[in-house]
Amino acid sequence: MNIDLTGRKAVVTGSTAGIGRAIAQGLARAGASVVVNGRTQERVDTALREMRALLPHAELTGVAADVATPEGCAALAAGAPDADILVNNAGTARPNNFFDQDDGEWLDLFQLNGMSGVRAARHYMPAMVRRGWGRVVFISSESGVAIPKEMIDYGMTKTAQLAVSRGLAELVGGTGVTVNAVL
């Protein structure tokens, strides 16, 4: 399959390593201008250097911002004010004991895995709707429907992503903007 995204701009949160980096590279290979995001400037610079060596003709930029916070999401929006494609990938998981976790751990994970995507969608989607084209993808998990007993908090955040992505898909139906979740 040959997908041509020339002229499109993509923002991929949490894209300095792992799944997010692979997504960013795939979008760049398809011709999109890609904004790489990570928590620190060092991580962003390293990812950009390595990706530019691999994809010398790609248009790659980076924004260091911790999207687990409202301030970090605002910094991402300021550094990359517009996008045709948004991939909400930032997130983490860690095995834990439900009975040992405190509220702060639950809230921290929800801020990163849940609210980062909510905030990014709130920023980028209105312009997509006005233009009549856009793609928003939430990187969720099968853990959102089959909750792991050793990561109940993670499952809850992935279930939330499914709810948000489905609700947004309904909200923007017929506008040319597509919203999906990948499990």
C-alpha atoms as a PDB file:
ATOM      1  CA  MET A   1       0.000   0.000   0.000  1.00  0.00           C
ATOM      2  CA  ASN A   2       1.274   3.449  -0.858  1.00  0.00           C
ATOM      3  CA  ILE A   3      -0.040   6.186   1.424  1.00  0.00           C
ATOM      4  CA  ASP A   4       0.899   9.719   0.389  1.00  0.00           C
ATOM      5  CA  LEU A   5       0.738  12.257   3.216  1.00  0.00           C
ATOM      6  CA  THR A   6       2.731  14.938   1.422  1.00  0.00           C
ATOM      7  CA  GLY A   7       1.578  18.348   2.588  1.00  0.00           C
ATOM      8  CA  ARG A   8       0.136  17.007   5.843  1.00  0.00           C
ATOM      9  CA  LYS A   9       1.510  17.799   9.285  1.00  0.00           C
ATOM     10  CA  ALA A  10       1.455  15.163  12.017  1.00  0.00           C
ATOM     11  CA  VAL A  11       1.971  15.568  15.755  1.00  0.00           C
ATOM     12  CA  VAL A  12       2.832  12.357  17.598  1.00  0.00           C
ATOM     13  CA  THR A  13       2.954  12.607  21.381  1.00  0.00           C
ATOM     14  CA  GLY A  14       5.457  10.424  23.182  1.00  0.00           C
ATOM     15  CA  SER A  15       7.391   9.768  19.989  1.00  0.00           C
ATOM     16  CA  THR A  16      11.039   9.685  21.059  1.00  0.00           C
ATOM     17  CA  ALA A  17      11.031   5.881  21.458  1.00  0.00           C
ATOM     18  CA  GLY A  18       8.945   2.735  21.108  1.00  0.00           C
ATOM     19  CA  ILE A  19       5.566   2.689  19.404  1.00  0.00           C
ATOM     20  CA  GLY A  20       5.410   6.480  19.085  1.00  0.00           C
ATOM     21  CA  ARG A  21       8.775   6.639  17.352  1.00  0.00           C
ATOM     22  CA  ALA A  22       7.765   3.887  14.920  1.00  0.00           C
ATOM     23  CA  ILE A  23       4.546   5.788  14.152  1.00  0.00           C
ATOM     24  CA  ALA A  24       6.455   9.048  13.614  1.00  0.00           C
ATOM     25  CA  GLN A  25       8.881   7.322  11.264  1.00  0.00           C
ATOM     26  CA  GLY A  26       6.048   5.688   9.330  1.00  0.00           C
ATOM     27  CA  LEU A  27       4.259   8.999   8.900  1.00  0.00           C
ATOM     28  CA  ALA A  28       7.505  10.648   7.758  1.00  0.00           C
ATOM     29  CA  ARG A  29       8.087   7.841   5.237  1.00  0.00           C
ATOM     30  CA  ALA A  30       4.599   8.536   3.888  1.00  0.00           C
ATOM     31  CA  GLY A  31       5.583  12.175   3.304  1.00  0.00           C
ATOM     32  CA  ALA A  32       4.057  13.901   6.321  1.00  0.00           C
ATOM     33  CA  SER A  33       5.895  16.653   8.135  1.00  0.00           C
ATOM     34  CA  VAL A  34       6.246  15.174  11.632  1.00  0.00           C
ATOM     35  CA  VAL A  35       6.522  16.805  15.046  1.00  0.00           C
ATOM     36  CA  VAL A  36       8.335  14.530  17.493  1.00  0.00           C
ATOM     37  CA  ASN A  37       7.425  14.990  21.148  1.00  0.00           C
ATOM     38  CA  GLY A  38       9.104  13.847  24.330  1.00  0.00           C
ATOM     39  CA  ARG A  39       9.483  15.031  27.901  1.00  0.00           C
ATOM     40  CA  THR A  40      13.026  16.380  27.621  1.00  0.00           C
ATOM     41  CA  GLN A  41      14.959  18.304  25.010  1.00  0.00           C
ATOM     42  CA  GLU A  42      17.723  15.698  25.182  1.00  0.00           C
ATOM     43  CA  ARG A  43      15.326  12.879  24.261  1.00  0.00           C
ATOM     44  CA  VAL A  44      13.780  14.924  21.447  1.00  0.00           C
ATOM     45  CA  ASP A  45      17.196  15.918  20.053  1.00  0.00           C
ATOM     46  CA  THR A  46      18.449  12.326  20.143  1.00  0.00           C
ATOM     47  CA  ALA A  47      15.342  11.019  18.403  1.00  0.00           C
ATOM     48  CA  LEU A  48      15.515  13.726  15.742  1.00  0.00           C
ATOM     49  CA  ARG A  49      19.203  13.073  15.080  1.00  0.00           C
ATOM     50  CA  GLU A  50      18.644   9.327  14.708  1.00  0.00           C
ATOM     51  CA  MET A  51      15.499   9.738  12.614  1.00  0.00           C
ATOM     52  CA  ARG A  52      17.163  12.252  10.291  1.00  0.00           C
ATOM     53  CA  ALA A  53      20.015   9.804   9.722  1.00  0.00           C
ATOM     54  CA  LEU A  54      17.468   7.116   8.833  1.00  0.00           C
ATOM     55  CA  LEU A  55      15.156   9.412   6.824  1.00  0.00           C
ATOM     56  CA  PRO A  56      17.363  12.198   5.423  1.00  0.00           C
ATOM     57  CA  HIS A  57      14.626  13.724   3.240  1.00  0.00           C
ATOM     58  CA  ALA A  58      11.938  13.776   5.935  1.00  0.00           C
ATOM     59  CA  GLU A  59      10.670  17.022   7.412  1.00  0.00           C
ATOM     60  CA  LEU A  60      11.077  16.500  11.152  1.00  0.00           C
ATOM     61  CA  THR A  61      10.799  18.954  14.023  1.00  0.00           C
ATOM     62  CA  GLY A  62      10.532  18.451  17.738  1.00  0.00           C
ATOM     63  CA  VAL A  63       8.867  19.882  20.806  1.00  0.00           C
ATOM     64  CA  ALA A  64      10.025  18.971  24.297  1.00  0.00           C
ATOM     65  CA  ALA A  65       6.962  19.030  26.545  1.00  0.00           C
ATOM     66  CA  ASP A  66       5.617  16.815  29.296  1.00  0.00           C
ATOM     67  CA  VAL A  67       2.078  16.253  28.049  1.00  0.00           C
ATOM     68  CA  ALA A  68       1.063  14.729  31.393  1.00  0.00           C
ATOM     69  CA  THR A  69       0.527  18.307  32.571  1.00  0.00           C
ATOM     70  CA  PRO A  70      -1.695  21.125  31.313  1.00  0.00           C
ATOM     71  CA  GLU A  71       1.430  23.290  31.021  1.00  0.00           C
ATOM     72  CA  GLY A  72       3.180  20.656  28.920  1.00  0.00           C
ATOM     73  CA  CYS A  73       0.194  20.337  26.613  1.00  0.00           C
ATOM     74  CA  ALA A  74       0.150  24.128  26.242  1.00  0.00           C
ATOM     75  CA  ALA A  75       3.873  24.055  25.410  1.00  0.00           C
ATOM     76  CA  LEU A  76       3.253  21.411  22.743  1.00  0.00           C
ATOM     77  CA  ALA A  77       0.444  23.507  21.266  1.00  0.00           C
ATOM     78  CA  ALA A  78       2.668  26.590  21.266  1.00  0.00           C
ATOM     79  CA  GLY A  79       5.550  24.731  19.623  1.00  0.00           C
ATOM     80  CA  ALA A  80       3.333  22.976  17.080  1.00  0.00           C
ATOM     81  CA  PRO A  81       0.206  25.103  16.779  1.00  0.00           C
ATOM     82  CA  ASP A  82      -1.450  23.177  13.960  1.00  0.00           C
ATOM     83  CA  ALA A  83      -1.737  19.589  12.745  1.00  0.00           C
ATOM     84  CA  ASP A  84      -3.653  17.589  10.179  1.00  0.00           C
ATOM     85  CA  ILE A  85      -2.885  14.342  11.998  1.00  0.00           C
ATOM     86  CA  LEU A  86      -2.733  13.867  15.754  1.00  0.00           C
ATOM     87  CA  VAL A  87      -1.526  10.632  17.269  1.00  0.00           C
ATOM     88  CA  ASN A  88      -2.134  10.521  21.023  1.00  0.00           C
ATOM     89  CA  ASN A  89       0.526   7.992  21.925  1.00  0.00           C
ATOM     90  CA  ALA A  90       2.072   9.315  25.146  1.00  0.00           C
ATOM     91  CA  GLY A  91       1.498   6.913  27.986  1.00  0.00           C
ATOM     92  CA  THR A  92       2.967   4.378  30.327  1.00  0.00           C
ATOM     93  CA  ALA A  93       2.091   1.282  32.290  1.00  0.00           C
ATOM     94  CA  ARG A  94       3.599  -0.309  35.361  1.00  0.00           C
ATOM     95  CA  PRO A  95       2.583  -3.456  37.190  1.00  0.00           C
ATOM     96  CA  ASN A  96       1.397  -2.679  40.698  1.00  0.00           C
ATOM     97  CA  ASN A  97      -0.653  -3.872  43.609  1.00  0.00           C
ATOM     98  CA  PHE A  98      -4.099  -2.291  43.591  1.00  0.00           C
ATOM     99  CA  PHE A  99      -4.259  -2.217  47.392  1.00  0.00           C
ATOM    100  CA  ASP A 100      -0.909  -0.444  47.740  1.00  0.00           C
ATOM    101  CA  GLN A 101      -1.585   2.385  45.283  1.00  0.00           C
ATOM    102  CA  ASP A 102      -2.548   5.818  46.515  1.00  0.00           C
ATOM    103  CA  ASP A 103      -4.752   8.385  44.813  1.00  0.00           C
ATOM    104  CA  GLY A 104      -1.760  10.333  43.533  1.00  0.00           C
ATOM    105  CA  GLU A 105      -0.511   7.370  41.511  1.00  0.00           C
ATOM    106  CA  TRP A 106      -3.933   6.911  39.928  1.00  0.00           C
ATOM    107  CA  LEU A 107      -4.267  10.599  39.124  1.00  0.00           C
ATOM    108  CA  ASP A 108      -0.736  10.849  37.679  1.00  0.00           C
ATOM    109  CA  LEU A 109      -1.389   7.935  35.332  1.00  0.00           C
ATOM    110  CA  PHE A 110      -4.751   9.373  34.283  1.00  0.00           C
ATOM    111  CA  GLN A 111      -3.138  12.740  33.528  1.00  0.00           C
ATOM    112  CA  LEU A 112      -0.599  11.101  31.189  1.00  0.00           C
ATOM    113  CA  ASN A 113      -2.622   8.314  29.586  1.00  0.00           C
ATOM    114  CA  GLY A 114      -5.984  10.078  29.522  1.00  0.00           C
ATOM    115  CA  MET A 115      -5.897  13.830  29.811  1.00  0.00           C
ATOM    116  CA  SER A 116      -2.919  14.334  27.488  1.00  0.00           C
ATOM    117  CA  GLY A 117      -5.058  13.072  24.604  1.00  0.00           C
ATOM    118  CA  VAL A 118      -8.093  15.049  25.707  1.00  0.00           C
ATOM    119  CA  ARG A 119      -6.062  18.262  25.839  1.00  0.00           C
ATOM    120  CA  ALA A 120      -4.348  17.643  22.499  1.00  0.00           C
ATOM    121  CA  ALA A 121      -7.636  16.800  20.774  1.00  0.00           C
ATOM    122  CA  ARG A 122      -9.263  19.925  22.216  1.00  0.00           C
ATOM    123  CA  HIS A 123      -6.435  22.015  20.757  1.00  0.00           C
ATOM    124  CA  TYR A 124      -5.989  20.455  17.299  1.00  0.00           C
ATOM    125  CA  MET A 125      -9.432  19.221  16.284  1.00  0.00           C
ATOM    126  CA  PRO A 126     -11.318  22.528  15.831  1.00  0.00           C
ATOM    127  CA  ALA A 127      -8.986  23.568  12.992  1.00  0.00           C
ATOM    128  CA  MET A 128      -9.280  20.105  11.420  1.00  0.00           C
ATOM    129  CA  VAL A 129     -13.062  20.475  11.439  1.00  0.00           C
ATOM    130  CA  ARG A 130     -12.827  23.964   9.885  1.00  0.00           C
ATOM    131  CA  ARG A 131     -10.550  22.605   7.118  1.00  0.00           C
ATOM    132  CA  GLY A 132     -12.776  19.581   6.549  1.00  0.00           C
ATOM    133  CA  TRP A 133      -9.956  17.062   6.977  1.00  0.00           C
ATOM    134  CA  GLY A 134      -8.115  15.542   9.887  1.00  0.00           C
ATOM    135  CA  ARG A 135      -7.113  12.314  11.534  1.00  0.00           C
ATOM    136  CA  VAL A 136      -6.937  11.682  15.281  1.00  0.00           C
ATOM    137  CA  VAL A 137      -5.685   8.376  16.622  1.00  0.00           C
ATOM    138  CA  PHE A 138      -5.599   7.323  20.260  1.00  0.00           C
ATOM    139  CA  ILE A 139      -3.113   4.539  21.011  1.00  0.00           C
ATOM    140  CA  SER A 140      -5.149   2.525  23.465  1.00  0.00           C
ATOM    141  CA  SER A 141      -4.776  -1.122  24.424  1.00  0.00           C
ATOM    142  CA  GLU A 142      -6.674  -4.368  24.737  1.00  0.00           C
ATOM    143  CA  SER A 143      -6.241  -3.648  28.446  1.00  0.00           C
ATOM    144  CA  GLY A 144      -9.076  -1.170  27.975  1.00  0.00           C
ATOM    145  CA  VAL A 145     -11.518  -4.045  27.485  1.00  0.00           C
ATOM    146  CA  ALA A 146      -9.738  -6.883  29.300  1.00  0.00           C
ATOM    147  CA  ILE A 147      -8.503  -5.163  32.442  1.00  0.00           C
ATOM    148  CA  PRO A 148      -5.272  -6.715  33.781  1.00  0.00           C
ATOM    149  CA  LYS A 149      -5.435  -7.451  37.504  1.00  0.00           C
ATOM    150  CA  GLU A 150      -1.849  -6.237  37.955  1.00  0.00           C
ATOM    151  CA  MET A 151      -2.557  -2.913  36.195  1.00  0.00           C
ATOM    152  CA  ILE A 152      -6.141  -1.954  36.952  1.00  0.00           C
ATOM    153  CA  ASP A 153      -5.210   1.729  36.830  1.00  0.00           C
ATOM    154  CA  TYR A 154      -3.730   1.304  33.348  1.00  0.00           C
ATOM    155  CA  GLY A 155      -6.823  -0.546  32.142  1.00  0.00           C
ATOM    156  CA  MET A 156      -9.004   2.264  33.435  1.00  0.00           C
ATOM    157  CA  THR A 157      -7.016   4.860  31.474  1.00  0.00           C
ATOM    158  CA  LYS A 158      -7.204   2.798  28.292  1.00  0.00           C
ATOM    159  CA  THR A 159     -10.966   2.352  28.736  1.00  0.00           C
ATOM    160  CA  ALA A 160     -11.193   6.135  29.097  1.00  0.00           C
ATOM    161  CA  GLN A 161      -9.331   6.552  25.805  1.00  0.00           C
ATOM    162  CA  LEU A 162     -11.857   4.293  24.094  1.00  0.00           C
ATOM    163  CA  ALA A 163     -14.719   6.382  25.470  1.00  0.00           C
ATOM    164  CA  VAL A 164     -13.112   9.685  24.465  1.00  0.00           C
ATOM    165  CA  SER A 165     -12.206   8.508  20.971  1.00  0.00           C
ATOM    166  CA  ARG A 166     -15.694   7.099  20.347  1.00  0.00           C
ATOM    167  CA  GLY A 167     -17.362  10.234  21.663  1.00  0.00           C
ATOM    168  CA  LEU A 168     -15.153  12.468  19.526  1.00  0.00           C
ATOM    169  CA  ALA A 169     -15.844  10.331  16.452  1.00  0.00           C
ATOM    170  CA  GLU A 170     -19.555  10.872  17.035  1.00  0.00           C
ATOM    171  CA  LEU A 171     -19.038  14.575  17.702  1.00  0.00           C
ATOM    172  CA  VAL A 172     -17.218  15.241  14.416  1.00  0.00           C
ATOM    173  CA  GLY A 173     -19.084  12.747  12.222  1.00  0.00           C
ATOM    174  CA  GLY A 174     -19.597  14.077   8.712  1.00  0.00           C
ATOM    175  CA  THR A 175     -16.946  16.806   8.996  1.00  0.00           C
ATOM    176  CA  GLY A 176     -14.087  15.020   7.204  1.00  0.00           C
ATOM    177  CA  VAL A 177     -12.304  14.383  10.490  1.00  0.00           C
ATOM    178  CA  THR A 178     -11.814  10.758  11.481  1.00  0.00           C
ATOM    179  CA  VAL A 179     -11.170   9.669  15.067  1.00  0.00           C
ATOM    180  CA  ASN A 180     -10.069   6.139  15.952  1.00  0.00           C
ATOM    181  CA  ALA A 181      -8.464   4.148  18.723  1.00  0.00           C
ATOM    182  CA  VAL A 182      -5.935   1.393  18.154  1.00  0.00           C
ATOM    183  CA  LEU A 183      -5.877  -1.506  20.570  1.00  0.00           C
END
